[in-house]
Amino acid sequence: MSEFHRQPRNFSLDGRARGANNAPPMTNPGTSATLLPASDGVPIACRVHGAGSGLPAVALVHSLAMDHRFWDRVAERLAGHATVITIDARGHGRSGRGSTPYTAQRMARDLLDVMDHLEVPKAIVGGASMGGCVALQFAGTYPGRTQGLALIDTTAWYGPTAPRDWEERAAKAEAQGMESLVEFQKTRWFSDAFRAREPGLVQQCIDIFVANDLEGYLATCRMLGAFDGRALLPDIRVPTRVLVGDEDYAAPVAMAQAMHEGIAGSRLQVIAGARHLTPLEVPDVVAASLLELCSEARP
């Protein structure tokens, strides 16, 4: 089967070009996102930043219980250099939940479906945390659609206790609500200095987190517990960046190192003083890596 599944074009990159570059970070409550149907009919919300002919496409998937606005700070820095496609993963933001259980393969197909609707034949694909697992799965499953790969604050495998660990987190959310996880999450998301410096942005992340669909969150936790993308690493043949904060306790440096060692020719960058959500904490660093991939990617 061809890796490029052409869909009816009901959304135009050119139609999103005007006014898409300068949205304030994390302030728009998603009203600029457009819903496109995945191959199983579930609506997937996406936003296109800075569309223009001749620009490389960068497709990005957010962290667990965030949404497409997660990438606003990075997209601003790529304005004029790339067309940036951001989505709400299924079960997140404005996207539909669909049937469960979830798999990384299904989420990777959702991104492929969005690219097909937008008539984007290839993209530099990246993701943070959960989104990094999806990006790795995408690159392994659809190599002909992948020009470059950015694995940010993520892992190919959460380890032998992952199913139990993620089930415990899901059980707490189900029993006590998403709010019960906030204190745990925000200290893992951001360094102490960043939380003190940017309380408004931290609160916006908390608001998005607690508003996430509970069933979607539970299904995604279980997906991450089951995810094992280690077998994909040797087959990655595109320019790849692996980024991790040196204070990341959720997907530590050792996990990033394992991906780097498993992907021939990849480059590893350990970011001093950053924790788990580097696209928000150090968007300049993340954007610079994506720009490097744009310059290296083959048409």
Protein backbone atom coordinates (compact mmCIF):
# COMPACT_ATOMS: atom_id res chain seq x y z
CA MET A 1 0.00 0.00 0.00
CA SER A 2 1.30 3.45 -0.85
CA GLU A 3 2.57 5.53 2.07
CA PHE A 4 0.79 8.57 0.65
CA HIS A 5 -2.96 8.19 1.07
CA ARG A 6 -4.45 11.15 -0.79
CA GLN A 7 -7.64 12.45 0.80
CA PRO A 8 -10.17 14.99 -0.46
CA ARG A 9 -8.67 18.39 0.12
CA ASN A 10 -11.01 20.22 2.47
CA PHE A 11 -8.41 22.49 4.05
CA SER A 12 -5.76 24.55 2.32
CA LEU A 13 -2.31 25.45 3.55
CA ASP A 14 -2.47 28.63 1.51
CA GLY A 15 -5.81 29.45 3.07
CA ARG A 16 -4.20 29.48 6.50
CA ALA A 17 -1.24 31.62 5.50
CA ARG A 18 -2.52 35.05 6.48
CA GLY A 19 -2.38 35.94 10.14
CA ALA A 20 -1.08 32.55 11.25
CA ASN A 21 2.41 33.56 12.37
CA ASN A 22 2.03 35.89 15.31
CA ALA A 23 -0.35 34.32 17.84
CA PRO A 24 0.68 35.04 21.46
CA PRO A 25 2.03 31.88 23.08
CA MET A 26 -0.54 29.72 24.88
CA THR A 27 -3.19 32.45 24.96
CA ASN A 28 -5.58 31.47 22.17
CA PRO A 29 -8.03 28.85 23.49
CA GLY A 30 -7.79 26.81 20.30
CA THR A 31 -10.29 28.76 18.21
CA SER A 32 -7.90 28.86 15.24
CA ALA A 33 -7.68 25.06 15.02
CA THR A 34 -9.51 23.27 12.22
CA LEU A 35 -11.09 19.81 12.55
CA LEU A 36 -10.12 17.20 9.95
CA PRO A 37 -11.36 13.59 9.92
CA ALA A 38 -8.92 10.78 10.59
CA SER A 39 -9.22 7.59 8.56
CA ASP A 40 -11.51 6.09 11.22
CA GLY A 41 -13.72 9.19 11.25
CA VAL A 42 -12.45 10.72 14.51
CA PRO A 43 -12.04 14.50 14.16
CA ILE A 44 -8.46 15.67 14.67
CA ALA A 45 -7.86 19.35 15.41
CA CYS A 46 -4.91 20.97 13.69
CA ARG A 47 -3.44 24.40 13.19
CA VAL A 48 -1.11 25.53 10.42
CA HIS A 49 1.36 28.29 11.26
CA GLY A 50 3.03 30.32 8.54
CA ALA A 51 2.04 28.45 5.41
CA GLY A 52 3.96 29.45 2.32
CA SER A 53 5.14 27.90 -0.91
CA GLY A 54 8.66 26.54 -0.84
CA LEU A 55 8.92 26.30 2.94
CA PRO A 56 9.72 22.97 4.58
CA ALA A 57 6.89 21.42 6.60
CA VAL A 58 7.36 20.66 10.29
CA ALA A 59 4.65 18.50 11.93
CA LEU A 60 4.61 18.46 15.74
CA VAL A 61 2.80 16.43 18.41
CA HIS A 62 2.42 17.72 21.96
CA SER A 63 3.01 16.23 25.39
CA LEU A 64 0.43 14.25 27.39
CA ALA A 65 -2.69 16.24 28.33
CA MET A 66 -1.54 19.34 26.44
CA ASP A 67 -2.86 20.50 23.04
CA HIS A 68 -1.61 22.15 19.85
CA ARG A 69 -0.92 25.43 21.68
CA PHE A 70 1.99 23.66 23.36
CA TRP A 71 4.04 24.53 20.25
CA ASP A 72 3.09 28.21 19.89
CA ARG A 73 6.40 29.51 21.25
CA VAL A 74 8.38 27.28 18.91
CA ALA A 75 6.16 28.06 15.90
CA GLU A 76 6.70 31.79 16.41
CA ARG A 77 10.44 31.26 16.15
CA LEU A 78 10.08 29.24 12.95
CA ALA A 79 7.97 31.91 11.22
CA GLY A 80 9.29 32.58 7.73
CA HIS A 81 11.45 29.45 7.83
CA ALA A 82 8.93 26.61 7.94
CA THR A 83 5.26 25.77 7.70
CA VAL A 84 4.43 24.35 11.13
CA ILE A 85 1.56 21.89 11.52
CA THR A 86 0.40 21.22 15.07
CA ILE A 87 -2.36 18.85 16.09
CA ASP A 88 -4.43 17.90 19.10
CA ALA A 89 -3.77 14.18 19.53
CA ARG A 90 -6.94 12.10 19.79
CA GLY A 91 -8.41 12.33 23.26
CA HIS A 92 -6.82 15.77 23.72
CA GLY A 93 -7.93 19.34 23.12
CA ARG A 94 -10.64 19.67 20.50
CA SER A 95 -9.96 16.31 18.85
CA GLY A 96 -12.38 13.46 19.27
CA ARG A 97 -11.74 10.56 21.60
CA GLY A 98 -12.59 7.68 19.31
CA SER A 99 -12.44 4.09 20.40
CA THR A 100 -9.94 2.78 22.92
CA PRO A 101 -7.45 1.33 23.65
CA TYR A 102 -5.06 3.75 22.01
CA THR A 103 -1.79 2.86 20.30
CA ALA A 104 1.12 4.92 19.06
CA GLN A 105 0.42 3.46 15.62
CA ARG A 106 -3.09 4.92 15.65
CA MET A 107 -1.86 8.36 16.71
CA ALA A 108 0.86 8.25 14.04
CA ARG A 109 -1.82 7.45 11.46
CA ASP A 110 -3.83 10.43 12.70
CA LEU A 111 -0.88 12.68 11.89
CA LEU A 112 -0.53 11.03 8.48
CA ASP A 113 -4.23 11.64 7.82
CA VAL A 114 -3.83 15.33 8.66
CA MET A 115 -0.84 15.59 6.32
CA ASP A 116 -2.87 13.93 3.59
CA HIS A 117 -5.73 16.40 4.01
CA LEU A 118 -3.23 19.25 3.81
CA GLU A 119 -1.51 17.65 0.82
CA VAL A 120 1.84 17.63 2.59
CA PRO A 121 3.84 14.76 1.05
CA LYS A 122 6.73 14.90 3.54
CA ALA A 123 7.54 16.65 6.80
CA ILE A 124 10.10 16.96 9.52
CA VAL A 125 8.22 15.20 12.31
CA GLY A 126 8.75 15.95 15.97
CA GLY A 127 7.15 15.43 19.32
CA ALA A 128 7.65 16.05 23.00
CA SER A 129 7.20 13.36 25.65
CA MET A 130 4.07 11.46 24.50
CA GLY A 131 4.38 13.25 21.17
CA GLY A 132 7.92 12.01 20.82
CA CYS A 133 6.71 8.42 21.07
CA VAL A 134 4.20 9.20 18.31
CA ALA A 135 6.88 10.90 16.20
CA LEU A 136 9.21 7.90 16.55
CA GLN A 137 6.37 5.57 15.56
CA PHE A 138 5.56 7.80 12.57
CA ALA A 139 9.15 7.81 11.34
CA GLY A 140 9.38 4.04 11.70
CA THR A 141 6.04 3.35 10.03
CA TYR A 142 6.07 6.00 7.29
CA PRO A 143 9.72 6.56 6.36
CA GLY A 144 8.78 7.89 2.95
CA ARG A 145 6.80 10.71 4.55
CA THR A 146 9.52 11.65 7.06
CA GLN A 147 12.28 14.13 6.14
CA GLY A 148 13.69 14.57 9.62
CA LEU A 149 12.93 13.56 13.20
CA ALA A 150 12.97 15.50 16.47
CA LEU A 151 12.67 13.42 19.64
CA ILE A 152 12.20 15.85 22.52
CA ASP A 153 11.89 15.00 26.22
CA THR A 154 10.88 11.47 25.28
CA THR A 155 11.85 7.82 25.16
CA ALA A 156 11.57 4.73 23.01
CA TRP A 157 10.57 2.70 26.09
CA TYR A 158 9.59 3.66 29.62
CA GLY A 159 11.07 0.49 31.09
CA PRO A 160 9.94 -2.84 32.52
CA THR A 161 7.68 -1.29 35.17
CA ALA A 162 5.98 1.07 32.70
CA PRO A 163 2.62 -0.73 32.45
CA ARG A 164 2.24 -0.69 36.23
CA ASP A 165 3.56 2.86 36.64
CA TRP A 166 1.24 4.33 34.01
CA GLU A 167 -1.72 2.32 35.29
CA GLU A 168 -1.16 3.80 38.74
CA ARG A 169 -1.20 7.30 37.32
CA ALA A 170 -4.35 6.56 35.35
CA ALA A 171 -6.01 5.07 38.44
CA LYS A 172 -5.28 8.19 40.48
CA ALA A 173 -6.73 10.46 37.80
CA GLU A 174 -9.82 8.26 37.55
CA ALA A 175 -10.37 8.11 41.31
CA GLN A 176 -9.39 11.63 42.33
CA GLY A 177 -9.62 13.72 39.17
CA MET A 178 -6.97 15.38 37.02
CA GLU A 179 -6.47 18.05 39.68
CA SER A 180 -4.94 15.45 41.98
CA LEU A 181 -1.93 15.17 39.65
CA VAL A 182 -1.17 18.88 39.28
CA GLU A 183 1.42 19.30 42.05
CA PHE A 184 3.30 16.23 40.86
CA GLN A 185 3.14 17.32 37.23
CA LYS A 186 4.20 20.94 37.46
CA THR A 187 7.43 20.19 39.33
CA ARG A 188 8.32 17.65 36.65
CA TRP A 189 7.30 19.91 33.77
CA PHE A 190 9.42 22.95 34.63
CA SER A 191 12.52 23.90 36.57
CA ASP A 192 12.14 25.81 39.82
CA ALA A 193 13.53 28.96 38.21
CA PHE A 194 11.11 28.81 35.27
CA ARG A 195 8.08 28.27 37.52
CA ALA A 196 9.07 31.34 39.53
CA ARG A 197 9.69 33.42 36.39
CA GLU A 198 6.65 32.37 34.32
CA PRO A 199 3.74 31.66 36.68
CA GLY A 200 1.17 32.67 34.07
CA LEU A 201 2.38 30.16 31.50
CA VAL A 202 2.61 27.45 34.14
CA GLN A 203 -1.01 28.14 35.09
CA GLN A 204 -2.09 27.96 31.47
CA CYS A 205 -0.53 24.50 31.24
CA ILE A 206 -2.34 23.46 34.40
CA ASP A 207 -5.64 24.74 33.01
CA ILE A 208 -5.17 22.75 29.79
CA PHE A 209 -4.15 19.67 31.76
CA VAL A 210 -7.14 19.60 34.10
CA ALA A 211 -9.55 20.30 31.23
CA ASN A 212 -8.36 17.27 29.26
CA ASP A 213 -10.91 14.55 28.53
CA LEU A 214 -10.52 12.03 31.37
CA GLU A 215 -11.16 8.93 29.26
CA GLY A 216 -8.71 10.16 26.66
CA TYR A 217 -6.11 10.69 29.37
CA LEU A 218 -6.61 7.22 30.81
CA ALA A 219 -6.33 5.61 27.38
CA THR A 220 -3.15 7.56 26.61
CA CYS A 221 -1.53 6.62 29.92
CA ARG A 222 -2.10 2.98 29.08
CA MET A 223 -0.76 3.52 25.57
CA LEU A 224 2.47 4.93 26.99
CA GLY A 225 2.74 2.06 29.46
CA ALA A 226 2.58 -0.38 26.57
CA PHE A 227 4.77 1.57 24.13
CA ASP A 228 8.04 -0.01 23.07
CA GLY A 229 9.64 1.61 20.05
CA ARG A 230 13.15 0.23 20.54
CA ALA A 231 12.89 -1.99 17.46
CA LEU A 232 12.24 1.10 15.33
CA LEU A 233 15.51 2.85 16.18
CA PRO A 234 17.92 0.98 13.86
CA ASP A 235 15.71 1.65 10.83
CA ILE A 236 15.59 5.44 11.22
CA ARG A 237 17.52 6.87 8.27
CA VAL A 238 16.69 10.57 8.38
CA PRO A 239 18.47 13.45 10.15
CA THR A 240 17.51 13.15 13.82
CA ARG A 241 17.84 15.35 16.89
CA VAL A 242 17.37 14.03 20.42
CA LEU A 243 16.81 16.78 22.99
CA VAL A 244 16.49 16.42 26.76
CA GLY A 245 16.75 18.66 29.80
CA ASP A 246 19.41 17.67 32.29
CA GLU A 247 16.78 17.91 35.05
CA ASP A 248 14.18 15.80 33.24
CA TYR A 249 12.91 13.22 35.73
CA ALA A 250 10.06 11.97 33.52
CA ALA A 251 12.20 10.92 30.53
CA PRO A 252 15.74 11.19 31.90
CA VAL A 253 18.97 11.73 30.02
CA ALA A 254 19.68 7.97 30.03
CA MET A 255 16.54 7.38 27.96
CA ALA A 256 17.61 10.05 25.47
CA GLN A 257 21.08 8.56 25.33
CA ALA A 258 19.61 5.15 24.49
CA MET A 259 17.67 6.62 21.55
CA HIS A 260 20.74 8.52 20.35
CA GLU A 261 22.84 5.37 20.45
CA GLY A 262 20.12 3.44 18.63
CA ILE A 263 19.71 5.89 15.72
CA ALA A 264 22.74 6.07 13.47
CA GLY A 265 23.93 9.62 12.86
CA SER A 266 21.57 11.22 15.37
CA ARG A 267 22.69 14.14 17.50
CA LEU A 268 22.00 14.39 21.22
CA GLN A 269 21.63 17.72 23.00
CA VAL A 270 21.37 17.85 26.79
CA ILE A 271 19.94 21.21 27.85
CA ALA A 272 21.28 22.61 31.11
CA GLY A 273 18.74 23.65 33.73
CA ALA A 274 15.65 22.42 31.84
CA ARG A 275 13.12 19.78 32.81
CA HIS A 276 10.44 17.93 30.88
CA LEU A 277 8.65 20.49 28.69
CA THR A 278 11.56 22.12 26.88
CA PRO A 279 9.47 23.50 23.98
CA LEU A 280 7.89 25.80 26.56
CA GLU A 281 10.86 26.33 28.84
CA VAL A 282 13.57 26.84 26.19
CA PRO A 283 11.77 27.39 22.86
CA ASP A 284 14.82 29.05 21.30
CA VAL A 285 16.85 25.86 21.74
CA VAL A 286 14.10 23.63 20.36
CA ALA A 287 13.43 25.93 17.41
CA ALA A 288 17.14 26.05 16.58
CA SER A 289 17.27 22.25 16.39
CA LEU A 290 14.21 22.16 14.14
CA LEU A 291 15.79 24.79 11.88
CA GLU A 292 18.91 22.62 11.61
CA LEU A 293 16.70 19.72 10.53
CA CYS A 294 15.01 21.97 7.96
CA SER A 295 18.39 22.77 6.46
CA GLU A 296 19.50 19.12 6.42
CA ALA A 297 16.31 17.48 5.21
CA ARG A 298 16.25 16.26 1.64
CA PRO A 299 13.26 17.25 -0.53
